[in-house]
């Protein structure tokens, strides 16, 4: 089996991402002394990027793209986008939980600083890969290389972060309105994930209806659902008349990482972010339907 080495900018970018993510999780595991679930999440983010990018590099080195059980027009950029978002989240959460409030010099703190720096470098490398791989105007490319495809990745990622915040501790079970918001997050996440899997598996032609019309119909549904959640979640978390807490509790200043009020605020912001993403997605999907028509 011949090895095909394409010395292209995207190859070197992937190689840099592999090195940066490997250093980030290796240093954190070796001397970071990570003590709770946030550290495990960060390790997963870096290891996910390292393992997946190494797999992509090996497949292309050995010319196995045609034998891969996935669409190679869609898989690499989808993975790179997820890796960029995962490493970005680790670059934010890791210093927030492990460097915030840390004073003085210590070997453990130095290890954590190194992990944070290389996590940021890995994020930049993955963003660069996505920028180089995305479809240009007039270029024939897979759906996941287009703006709507990349938006789907961002939408599912934001939903994953929301799930993390509302589940530790569980903050959506004290009122039916909050349970409704949780159902919105789950329904939209599942449908977006199905669309991504259909594209990566090249199964969009198996649907009994036009894929483009399904995309626009789903985007419209998601916009309506997220609009309602954007309104409902803050009302039942921050309005005292509905059992919420308007002002940030004083004990949040002494908490490691994010307290419950901070997490509820983060969910409110992320819900608004996903609403905007789905709105932009709807605009692109509607244009796609009109062009096909």
C-alpha atoms as a PDB file:
ATOM      1  CA  UNK A   1       0.000   0.000   0.000  1.00  0.00           C
ATOM      2  CA  UNK A   2       1.602   3.220  -1.193  1.00  0.00           C
ATOM      3  CA  UNK A   3       1.877   6.245   1.062  1.00  0.00           C
ATOM      4  CA  UNK A   4       0.763   9.450  -0.635  1.00  0.00           C
ATOM      5  CA  UNK A   5       2.201  12.548   1.013  1.00  0.00           C
ATOM      6  CA  UNK A   6       0.479  15.757  -0.093  1.00  0.00           C
ATOM      7  CA  UNK A   7       2.485  18.629   1.335  1.00  0.00           C
ATOM      8  CA  UNK A   8      -0.402  21.073   1.388  1.00  0.00           C
ATOM      9  CA  UNK A   9      -1.312  23.817   3.873  1.00  0.00           C
ATOM     10  CA  UNK A  10      -4.251  21.768   5.160  1.00  0.00           C
ATOM     11  CA  UNK A  11      -1.948  18.785   5.859  1.00  0.00           C
ATOM     12  CA  UNK A  12       0.430  20.882   7.946  1.00  0.00           C
ATOM     13  CA  UNK A  13      -2.501  22.513   9.718  1.00  0.00           C
ATOM     14  CA  UNK A  14      -3.859  19.087  10.681  1.00  0.00           C
ATOM     15  CA  UNK A  15      -0.423  17.978  11.806  1.00  0.00           C
ATOM     16  CA  UNK A  16      -0.117  21.074  13.997  1.00  0.00           C
ATOM     17  CA  UNK A  17      -3.574  20.393  15.477  1.00  0.00           C
ATOM     18  CA  UNK A  18      -2.512  16.812  16.322  1.00  0.00           C
ATOM     19  CA  UNK A  19       0.637  18.027  18.078  1.00  0.00           C
ATOM     20  CA  UNK A  20      -1.083  20.845  19.975  1.00  0.00           C
ATOM     21  CA  UNK A  21      -3.987  18.696  21.201  1.00  0.00           C
ATOM     22  CA  UNK A  22      -1.617  15.871  22.158  1.00  0.00           C
ATOM     23  CA  UNK A  23       0.532  18.231  24.242  1.00  0.00           C
ATOM     24  CA  UNK A  24      -2.562  19.764  25.869  1.00  0.00           C
ATOM     25  CA  UNK A  25      -4.000  16.515  27.231  1.00  0.00           C
ATOM     26  CA  UNK A  26      -0.625  14.887  27.925  1.00  0.00           C
ATOM     27  CA  UNK A  27       0.543  17.782  30.119  1.00  0.00           C
ATOM     28  CA  UNK A  28      -2.834  17.999  31.877  1.00  0.00           C
ATOM     29  CA  UNK A  29      -2.859  14.277  32.664  1.00  0.00           C
ATOM     30  CA  UNK A  30       0.794  14.254  33.741  1.00  0.00           C
ATOM     31  CA  UNK A  31       0.866  17.213  36.120  1.00  0.00           C
ATOM     32  CA  UNK A  32      -2.460  19.027  36.089  1.00  0.00           C
ATOM     33  CA  UNK A  33      -3.981  17.149  39.071  1.00  0.00           C
ATOM     34  CA  UNK A  34      -7.520  17.368  37.698  1.00  0.00           C
ATOM     35  CA  UNK A  35     -10.080  16.625  40.372  1.00  0.00           C
ATOM     36  CA  UNK A  36     -13.628  16.702  38.952  1.00  0.00           C
ATOM     37  CA  UNK A  37     -15.778  16.226  35.862  1.00  0.00           C
ATOM     38  CA  UNK A  38     -14.745  19.426  34.094  1.00  0.00           C
ATOM     39  CA  UNK A  39     -11.191  18.127  33.842  1.00  0.00           C
ATOM     40  CA  UNK A  40     -12.474  14.883  32.301  1.00  0.00           C
ATOM     41  CA  UNK A  41     -14.437  16.913  29.760  1.00  0.00           C
ATOM     42  CA  UNK A  42     -11.354  18.910  28.767  1.00  0.00           C
ATOM     43  CA  UNK A  43      -9.261  15.740  28.435  1.00  0.00           C
ATOM     44  CA  UNK A  44     -11.987  14.239  26.241  1.00  0.00           C
ATOM     45  CA  UNK A  45     -12.054  17.353  24.023  1.00  0.00           C
ATOM     46  CA  UNK A  46      -8.300  17.260  23.415  1.00  0.00           C
ATOM     47  CA  UNK A  47      -8.150  13.478  22.981  1.00  0.00           C
ATOM     48  CA  UNK A  48     -11.147  13.589  20.611  1.00  0.00           C
ATOM     49  CA  UNK A  49      -9.399  16.126  18.392  1.00  0.00           C
ATOM     50  CA  UNK A  50      -6.073  14.279  18.513  1.00  0.00           C
ATOM     51  CA  UNK A  51      -7.463  10.814  17.679  1.00  0.00           C
ATOM     52  CA  UNK A  52      -9.862  11.969  14.957  1.00  0.00           C
ATOM     53  CA  UNK A  53      -7.380  14.219  13.181  1.00  0.00           C
ATOM     54  CA  UNK A  54      -4.716  11.513  13.298  1.00  0.00           C
ATOM     55  CA  UNK A  55      -7.222   9.130  11.690  1.00  0.00           C
ATOM     56  CA  UNK A  56      -7.976  11.652   8.919  1.00  0.00           C
ATOM     57  CA  UNK A  57      -4.249  12.136   8.251  1.00  0.00           C
ATOM     58  CA  UNK A  58      -3.616   8.360   8.062  1.00  0.00           C
ATOM     59  CA  UNK A  59      -6.573   7.753   5.741  1.00  0.00           C
ATOM     60  CA  UNK A  60      -5.346  10.420   3.342  1.00  0.00           C
ATOM     61  CA  UNK A  61      -1.698   9.292   3.597  1.00  0.00           C
ATOM     62  CA  UNK A  62      -2.639   5.761   2.566  1.00  0.00           C
ATOM     63  CA  UNK A  63      -5.230   6.896  -0.013  1.00  0.00           C
ATOM     64  CA  UNK A  64      -8.136   5.109   1.666  1.00  0.00           C
ATOM     65  CA  UNK A  65     -10.745   7.817   1.113  1.00  0.00           C
ATOM     66  CA  UNK A  66     -12.758   5.725  -1.365  1.00  0.00           C
ATOM     67  CA  UNK A  67     -12.804   2.751   1.019  1.00  0.00           C
ATOM     68  CA  UNK A  68     -14.001   4.759   3.996  1.00  0.00           C
ATOM     69  CA  UNK A  69     -17.624   4.009   5.009  1.00  0.00           C
ATOM     70  CA  UNK A  70     -18.394   7.749   5.095  1.00  0.00           C
ATOM     71  CA  UNK A  71     -18.524  10.611   2.626  1.00  0.00           C
ATOM     72  CA  UNK A  72     -15.018  12.049   2.483  1.00  0.00           C
ATOM     73  CA  UNK A  73     -16.462  15.307   1.107  1.00  0.00           C
ATOM     74  CA  UNK A  74     -18.328  15.769   4.370  1.00  0.00           C
ATOM     75  CA  UNK A  75     -16.516  13.906   7.158  1.00  0.00           C
ATOM     76  CA  UNK A  76     -13.150  15.764   7.514  1.00  0.00           C
ATOM     77  CA  UNK A  77     -14.637  19.261   7.688  1.00  0.00           C
ATOM     78  CA  UNK A  78     -17.433  18.082   9.989  1.00  0.00           C
ATOM     79  CA  UNK A  79     -14.907  16.579  12.347  1.00  0.00           C
ATOM     80  CA  UNK A  80     -12.627  19.632  12.163  1.00  0.00           C
ATOM     81  CA  UNK A  81     -15.531  21.913  13.049  1.00  0.00           C
ATOM     82  CA  UNK A  82     -16.495  19.759  16.037  1.00  0.00           C
ATOM     83  CA  UNK A  83     -12.853  19.573  17.140  1.00  0.00           C
ATOM     84  CA  UNK A  84     -12.546  23.366  16.921  1.00  0.00           C
ATOM     85  CA  UNK A  85     -15.641  23.826  19.078  1.00  0.00           C
ATOM     86  CA  UNK A  86     -14.606  21.155  21.586  1.00  0.00           C
ATOM     87  CA  UNK A  87     -11.118  22.641  21.983  1.00  0.00           C
ATOM     88  CA  UNK A  88     -12.622  26.123  22.246  1.00  0.00           C
ATOM     89  CA  UNK A  89     -14.855  24.963  25.105  1.00  0.00           C
ATOM     90  CA  UNK A  90     -11.867  23.337  26.824  1.00  0.00           C
ATOM     91  CA  UNK A  91      -9.834  26.539  26.357  1.00  0.00           C
ATOM     92  CA  UNK A  92     -12.563  28.441  28.228  1.00  0.00           C
ATOM     93  CA  UNK A  93     -13.585  25.922  30.899  1.00  0.00           C
ATOM     94  CA  UNK A  94     -10.119  24.646  31.834  1.00  0.00           C
ATOM     95  CA  UNK A  95      -8.694  27.990  33.023  1.00  0.00           C
ATOM     96  CA  UNK A  96     -12.072  28.922  34.524  1.00  0.00           C
ATOM     97  CA  UNK A  97     -12.041  25.870  36.792  1.00  0.00           C
ATOM     98  CA  UNK A  98      -8.308  25.279  37.272  1.00  0.00           C
ATOM     99  CA  UNK A  99      -6.624  28.687  37.007  1.00  0.00           C
ATOM    100  CA  UNK A 100      -9.288  31.055  38.348  1.00  0.00           C
ATOM    101  CA  UNK A 101      -8.280  32.229  41.813  1.00  0.00           C
ATOM    102  CA  UNK A 102      -4.927  30.465  41.571  1.00  0.00           C
ATOM    103  CA  UNK A 103      -2.169  32.672  42.945  1.00  0.00           C
ATOM    104  CA  UNK A 104       1.528  32.186  43.458  1.00  0.00           C
ATOM    105  CA  UNK A 105       3.906  29.834  41.695  1.00  0.00           C
ATOM    106  CA  UNK A 106       3.528  26.065  41.680  1.00  0.00           C
ATOM    107  CA  UNK A 107       4.445  23.257  39.305  1.00  0.00           C
ATOM    108  CA  UNK A 108       0.805  22.184  38.997  1.00  0.00           C
ATOM    109  CA  UNK A 109      -0.237  25.695  37.999  1.00  0.00           C
ATOM    110  CA  UNK A 110       2.522  25.802  35.379  1.00  0.00           C
ATOM    111  CA  UNK A 111       1.297  22.526  33.881  1.00  0.00           C
ATOM    112  CA  UNK A 112      -2.231  23.904  33.715  1.00  0.00           C
ATOM    113  CA  UNK A 113      -1.046  27.095  31.998  1.00  0.00           C
ATOM    114  CA  UNK A 114       0.811  25.030  29.386  1.00  0.00           C
ATOM    115  CA  UNK A 115      -2.326  22.925  28.730  1.00  0.00           C
ATOM    116  CA  UNK A 116      -4.397  26.077  28.321  1.00  0.00           C
ATOM    117  CA  UNK A 117      -1.926  27.622  25.867  1.00  0.00           C
ATOM    118  CA  UNK A 118      -1.739  24.501  23.695  1.00  0.00           C
ATOM    119  CA  UNK A 119      -5.526  24.128  23.840  1.00  0.00           C
ATOM    120  CA  UNK A 120      -5.840  27.644  22.394  1.00  0.00           C
ATOM    121  CA  UNK A 121      -3.266  26.789  19.702  1.00  0.00           C
ATOM    122  CA  UNK A 122      -5.194  23.618  18.802  1.00  0.00           C
ATOM    123  CA  UNK A 123      -8.395  25.672  18.545  1.00  0.00           C
ATOM    124  CA  UNK A 124      -6.706  28.095  16.141  1.00  0.00           C
ATOM    125  CA  UNK A 125      -5.384  25.186  14.062  1.00  0.00           C
ATOM    126  CA  UNK A 126      -8.830  23.586  13.763  1.00  0.00           C
ATOM    127  CA  UNK A 127     -10.480  26.896  12.887  1.00  0.00           C
ATOM    128  CA  UNK A 128      -7.833  27.372  10.189  1.00  0.00           C
ATOM    129  CA  UNK A 129      -8.590  23.908   8.802  1.00  0.00           C
ATOM    130  CA  UNK A 130     -12.312  24.661   8.645  1.00  0.00           C
ATOM    131  CA  UNK A 131     -11.591  27.966   6.925  1.00  0.00           C
ATOM    132  CA  UNK A 132      -9.433  26.238   4.292  1.00  0.00           C
ATOM    133  CA  UNK A 133     -11.890  23.359   3.748  1.00  0.00           C
ATOM    134  CA  UNK A 134     -15.208  25.189   3.547  1.00  0.00           C
ATOM    135  CA  UNK A 135     -16.893  25.591   0.184  1.00  0.00           C
ATOM    136  CA  UNK A 136     -16.158  28.723  -1.822  1.00  0.00           C
ATOM    137  CA  UNK A 137     -18.837  30.546  -3.875  1.00  0.00           C
ATOM    138  CA  UNK A 138     -19.577  28.540  -7.017  1.00  0.00           C
ATOM    139  CA  UNK A 139     -17.582  25.524  -5.823  1.00  0.00           C
ATOM    140  CA  UNK A 140     -19.163  22.035  -5.887  1.00  0.00           C
ATOM    141  CA  UNK A 141     -18.750  20.565  -2.409  1.00  0.00           C
ATOM    142  CA  UNK A 142     -20.470  18.382   0.162  1.00  0.00           C
ATOM    143  CA  UNK A 143     -23.333  19.835   2.176  1.00  0.00           C
ATOM    144  CA  UNK A 144     -21.289  19.864   5.390  1.00  0.00           C
ATOM    145  CA  UNK A 145     -18.690  22.107   3.731  1.00  0.00           C
ATOM    146  CA  UNK A 146     -21.327  24.783   3.107  1.00  0.00           C
ATOM    147  CA  UNK A 147     -22.563  27.412   5.533  1.00  0.00           C
ATOM    148  CA  UNK A 148     -25.796  25.509   6.427  1.00  0.00           C
ATOM    149  CA  UNK A 149     -23.788  22.349   7.122  1.00  0.00           C
ATOM    150  CA  UNK A 150     -21.357  24.144   9.414  1.00  0.00           C
ATOM    151  CA  UNK A 151     -24.289  25.820  11.148  1.00  0.00           C
ATOM    152  CA  UNK A 152     -25.725  22.364  11.912  1.00  0.00           C
ATOM    153  CA  UNK A 153     -22.476  21.461  13.662  1.00  0.00           C
ATOM    154  CA  UNK A 154     -22.573  24.662  15.720  1.00  0.00           C
ATOM    155  CA  UNK A 155     -26.232  24.108  16.620  1.00  0.00           C
ATOM    156  CA  UNK A 156     -25.631  20.587  17.944  1.00  0.00           C
ATOM    157  CA  UNK A 157     -22.537  21.698  19.837  1.00  0.00           C
ATOM    158  CA  UNK A 158     -24.346  24.573  21.557  1.00  0.00           C
ATOM    159  CA  UNK A 159     -27.116  22.133  22.500  1.00  0.00           C
ATOM    160  CA  UNK A 160     -24.502  19.791  24.041  1.00  0.00           C
ATOM    161  CA  UNK A 161     -23.155  22.631  26.187  1.00  0.00           C
ATOM    162  CA  UNK A 162     -26.719  23.452  27.273  1.00  0.00           C
ATOM    163  CA  UNK A 163     -27.216  19.800  28.286  1.00  0.00           C
ATOM    164  CA  UNK A 164     -24.068  19.956  30.422  1.00  0.00           C
ATOM    165  CA  UNK A 165     -25.215  23.102  32.221  1.00  0.00           C
ATOM    166  CA  UNK A 166     -28.795  21.960  32.922  1.00  0.00           C
ATOM    167  CA  UNK A 167     -27.816  18.491  34.138  1.00  0.00           C
ATOM    168  CA  UNK A 168     -25.204  19.296  36.808  1.00  0.00           C
ATOM    169  CA  UNK A 169     -27.227  19.928  38.899  1.00  0.00           C
ATOM    170  CA  UNK A 170     -30.583  19.330  37.206  1.00  0.00           C
ATOM    171  CA  UNK A 171     -32.251  22.734  36.855  1.00  0.00           C
ATOM    172  CA  UNK A 172     -35.155  22.049  34.487  1.00  0.00           C
ATOM    173  CA  UNK A 173     -37.376  19.790  36.609  1.00  0.00           C
ATOM    174  CA  UNK A 174     -38.940  22.347  38.956  1.00  0.00           C
ATOM    175  CA  UNK A 175     -41.487  23.694  36.465  1.00  0.00           C
ATOM    176  CA  UNK A 176     -43.294  22.375  33.375  1.00  0.00           C
ATOM    177  CA  UNK A 177     -42.211  25.422  31.367  1.00  0.00           C
ATOM    178  CA  UNK A 178     -38.548  24.550  31.952  1.00  0.00           C
ATOM    179  CA  UNK A 179     -39.246  20.939  30.981  1.00  0.00           C
ATOM    180  CA  UNK A 180     -40.722  22.296  27.749  1.00  0.00           C
ATOM    181  CA  UNK A 181     -37.470  24.192  27.098  1.00  0.00           C
ATOM    182  CA  UNK A 182     -35.528  20.981  27.689  1.00  0.00           C
ATOM    183  CA  UNK A 183     -37.731  19.173  25.166  1.00  0.00           C
ATOM    184  CA  UNK A 184     -37.006  21.927  22.636  1.00  0.00           C
ATOM    185  CA  UNK A 185     -33.261  21.470  23.117  1.00  0.00           C
ATOM    186  CA  UNK A 186     -33.576  17.678  22.745  1.00  0.00           C
ATOM    187  CA  UNK A 187     -35.851  17.678  19.682  1.00  0.00           C
ATOM    188  CA  UNK A 188     -33.736  20.163  17.751  1.00  0.00           C
ATOM    189  CA  UNK A 189     -30.497  18.444  18.741  1.00  0.00           C
ATOM    190  CA  UNK A 190     -31.742  15.027  17.593  1.00  0.00           C
ATOM    191  CA  UNK A 191     -33.028  16.292  14.236  1.00  0.00           C
ATOM    192  CA  UNK A 192     -29.844  18.275  13.533  1.00  0.00           C
ATOM    193  CA  UNK A 193     -27.725  15.243  14.452  1.00  0.00           C
ATOM    194  CA  UNK A 194     -29.795  13.064  12.096  1.00  0.00           C
ATOM    195  CA  UNK A 195     -29.217  15.541   9.245  1.00  0.00           C
ATOM    196  CA  UNK A 196     -25.458  15.492   9.888  1.00  0.00           C
ATOM    197  CA  UNK A 197     -25.403  11.673   9.946  1.00  0.00           C
ATOM    198  CA  UNK A 198     -27.425  11.494   6.717  1.00  0.00           C
ATOM    199  CA  UNK A 199     -24.918  13.785   4.998  1.00  0.00           C
ATOM    200  CA  UNK A 200     -21.844  11.981   6.299  1.00  0.00           C
ATOM    201  CA  UNK A 201     -23.350   8.614   5.320  1.00  0.00           C
ATOM    202  CA  UNK A 202     -24.525   9.972   1.940  1.00  0.00           C
ATOM    203  CA  UNK A 203     -28.073   8.799   2.675  1.00  0.00           C
ATOM    204  CA  UNK A 204     -29.939  12.011   1.814  1.00  0.00           C
ATOM    205  CA  UNK A 205     -31.196  10.479  -1.432  1.00  0.00           C
ATOM    206  CA  UNK A 206     -32.957   7.702   0.487  1.00  0.00           C
ATOM    207  CA  UNK A 207     -35.515  10.097   1.978  1.00  0.00           C
ATOM    208  CA  UNK A 208     -39.085   9.880   0.580  1.00  0.00           C
ATOM    209  CA  UNK A 209     -39.170  13.676   0.197  1.00  0.00           C
ATOM    210  CA  UNK A 210     -36.800  16.346  -1.173  1.00  0.00           C
ATOM    211  CA  UNK A 211     -33.904  16.899   1.234  1.00  0.00           C
ATOM    212  CA  UNK A 212     -33.803  20.660   0.588  1.00  0.00           C
ATOM    213  CA  UNK A 213     -37.467  21.107   1.537  1.00  0.00           C
ATOM    214  CA  UNK A 214     -36.961  19.036   4.651  1.00  0.00           C
ATOM    215  CA  UNK A 215     -34.072  21.313   5.651  1.00  0.00           C
ATOM    216  CA  UNK A 216     -36.111  24.486   5.239  1.00  0.00           C
ATOM    217  CA  UNK A 217     -39.163  23.035   7.039  1.00  0.00           C
ATOM    218  CA  UNK A 218     -37.052  21.836   9.932  1.00  0.00           C
ATOM    219  CA  UNK A 219     -35.178  25.159  10.180  1.00  0.00           C
ATOM    220  CA  UNK A 220     -38.531  27.002  10.397  1.00  0.00           C
ATOM    221  CA  UNK A 221     -39.732  24.628  13.134  1.00  0.00           C
ATOM    222  CA  UNK A 222     -36.465  25.043  15.062  1.00  0.00           C
ATOM    223  CA  UNK A 223     -36.661  28.850  14.848  1.00  0.00           C
ATOM    224  CA  UNK A 224     -40.183  28.848  16.296  1.00  0.00           C
ATOM    225  CA  UNK A 225     -39.267  26.405  19.076  1.00  0.00           C
ATOM    226  CA  UNK A 226     -36.079  28.212  20.051  1.00  0.00           C
ATOM    227  CA  UNK A 227     -37.832  31.580  19.987  1.00  0.00           C
ATOM    228  CA  UNK A 228     -40.288  30.275  22.573  1.00  0.00           C
ATOM    229  CA  UNK A 229     -37.473  28.786  24.681  1.00  0.00           C
ATOM    230  CA  UNK A 230     -35.505  32.049  24.470  1.00  0.00           C
ATOM    231  CA  UNK A 231     -38.476  33.791  26.091  1.00  0.00           C
ATOM    232  CA  UNK A 232     -39.564  31.098  28.572  1.00  0.00           C
ATOM    233  CA  UNK A 233     -36.212  30.062  30.078  1.00  0.00           C
ATOM    234  CA  UNK A 234     -35.259  33.525  31.485  1.00  0.00           C
ATOM    235  CA  UNK A 235     -38.785  34.172  32.762  1.00  0.00           C
ATOM    236  CA  UNK A 236     -38.889  31.035  34.936  1.00  0.00           C
ATOM    237  CA  UNK A 237     -35.277  31.338  36.104  1.00  0.00           C
ATOM    238  CA  UNK A 238     -34.840  35.069  36.758  1.00  0.00           C
ATOM    239  CA  UNK A 239     -38.338  36.453  37.387  1.00  0.00           C
ATOM    240  CA  UNK A 240     -39.157  36.369  41.145  1.00  0.00           C
ATOM    241  CA  UNK A 241     -42.871  36.185  40.318  1.00  0.00           C
ATOM    242  CA  UNK A 242     -42.255  32.809  38.648  1.00  0.00           C
ATOM    243  CA  UNK A 243     -39.906  31.329  41.217  1.00  0.00           C
ATOM    244  CA  UNK A 244     -36.709  32.742  39.747  1.00  0.00           C
ATOM    245  CA  UNK A 245     -33.822  34.739  41.216  1.00  0.00           C
ATOM    246  CA  UNK A 246     -33.237  38.124  39.631  1.00  0.00           C
ATOM    247  CA  UNK A 247     -29.875  38.990  41.191  1.00  0.00           C
ATOM    248  CA  UNK A 248     -26.738  36.884  41.271  1.00  0.00           C
ATOM    249  CA  UNK A 249     -26.317  35.294  44.747  1.00  0.00           C
ATOM    250  CA  UNK A 250     -23.303  36.438  46.731  1.00  0.00           C
ATOM    251  CA  UNK A 251     -22.033  32.879  47.215  1.00  0.00           C
ATOM    252  CA  UNK A 252     -21.441  32.613  43.465  1.00  0.00           C
ATOM    253  CA  UNK A 253     -18.349  34.793  43.846  1.00  0.00           C
ATOM    254  CA  UNK A 254     -16.684  32.152  46.003  1.00  0.00           C
ATOM    255  CA  UNK A 255     -17.753  29.132  43.950  1.00  0.00           C
ATOM    256  CA  UNK A 256     -15.250  27.196  41.877  1.00  0.00           C
ATOM    257  CA  UNK A 257     -16.240  27.520  38.239  1.00  0.00           C
ATOM    258  CA  UNK A 258     -19.915  28.345  37.703  1.00  0.00           C
ATOM    259  CA  UNK A 259     -22.670  28.328  40.323  1.00  0.00           C
ATOM    260  CA  UNK A 260     -26.268  27.336  39.510  1.00  0.00           C
ATOM    261  CA  UNK A 261     -27.326  30.932  38.768  1.00  0.00           C
ATOM    262  CA  UNK A 262     -24.375  31.368  36.408  1.00  0.00           C
ATOM    263  CA  UNK A 263     -25.264  28.133  34.608  1.00  0.00           C
ATOM    264  CA  UNK A 264     -28.882  29.222  34.188  1.00  0.00           C
ATOM    265  CA  UNK A 265     -27.666  32.533  32.763  1.00  0.00           C
ATOM    266  CA  UNK A 266     -25.307  30.680  30.423  1.00  0.00           C
ATOM    267  CA  UNK A 267     -28.201  28.511  29.215  1.00  0.00           C
ATOM    268  CA  UNK A 268     -30.286  31.633  28.561  1.00  0.00           C
ATOM    269  CA  UNK A 269     -27.464  33.145  26.489  1.00  0.00           C
ATOM    270  CA  UNK A 270     -26.781  29.903  24.617  1.00  0.00           C
ATOM    271  CA  UNK A 271     -30.490  29.509  23.862  1.00  0.00           C
ATOM    272  CA  UNK A 272     -30.409  32.944  22.247  1.00  0.00           C
ATOM    273  CA  UNK A 273     -27.257  31.997  20.343  1.00  0.00           C
ATOM    274  CA  UNK A 274     -28.891  28.863  18.964  1.00  0.00           C
ATOM    275  CA  UNK A 275     -31.989  30.851  18.017  1.00  0.00           C
ATOM    276  CA  UNK A 276     -29.789  33.156  15.911  1.00  0.00           C
ATOM    277  CA  UNK A 277     -27.964  30.169  14.387  1.00  0.00           C
ATOM    278  CA  UNK A 278     -31.244  28.504  13.400  1.00  0.00           C
ATOM    279  CA  UNK A 279     -32.540  31.803  12.002  1.00  0.00           C
ATOM    280  CA  UNK A 280     -29.470  32.146   9.775  1.00  0.00           C
ATOM    281  CA  UNK A 281     -29.839  28.467   8.884  1.00  0.00           C
ATOM    282  CA  UNK A 282     -33.445  29.111   7.837  1.00  0.00           C
ATOM    283  CA  UNK A 283     -32.344  31.944   5.546  1.00  0.00           C
ATOM    284  CA  UNK A 284     -29.724  29.752   3.856  1.00  0.00           C
ATOM    285  CA  UNK A 285     -32.092  26.758   3.604  1.00  0.00           C
ATOM    286  CA  UNK A 286     -34.846  28.883   2.066  1.00  0.00           C
ATOM    287  CA  UNK A 287     -32.403  30.196  -0.533  1.00  0.00           C
ATOM    288  CA  UNK A 288     -31.396  26.590  -1.255  1.00  0.00           C
ATOM    289  CA  UNK A 289     -35.029  25.628  -1.922  1.00  0.00           C
ATOM    290  CA  UNK A 290     -35.555  28.609  -4.240  1.00  0.00           C
ATOM    291  CA  UNK A 291     -32.363  27.856  -6.185  1.00  0.00           C
ATOM    292  CA  UNK A 292     -33.346  24.196  -6.622  1.00  0.00           C
ATOM    293  CA  UNK A 293     -36.829  25.262  -7.715  1.00  0.00           C
END
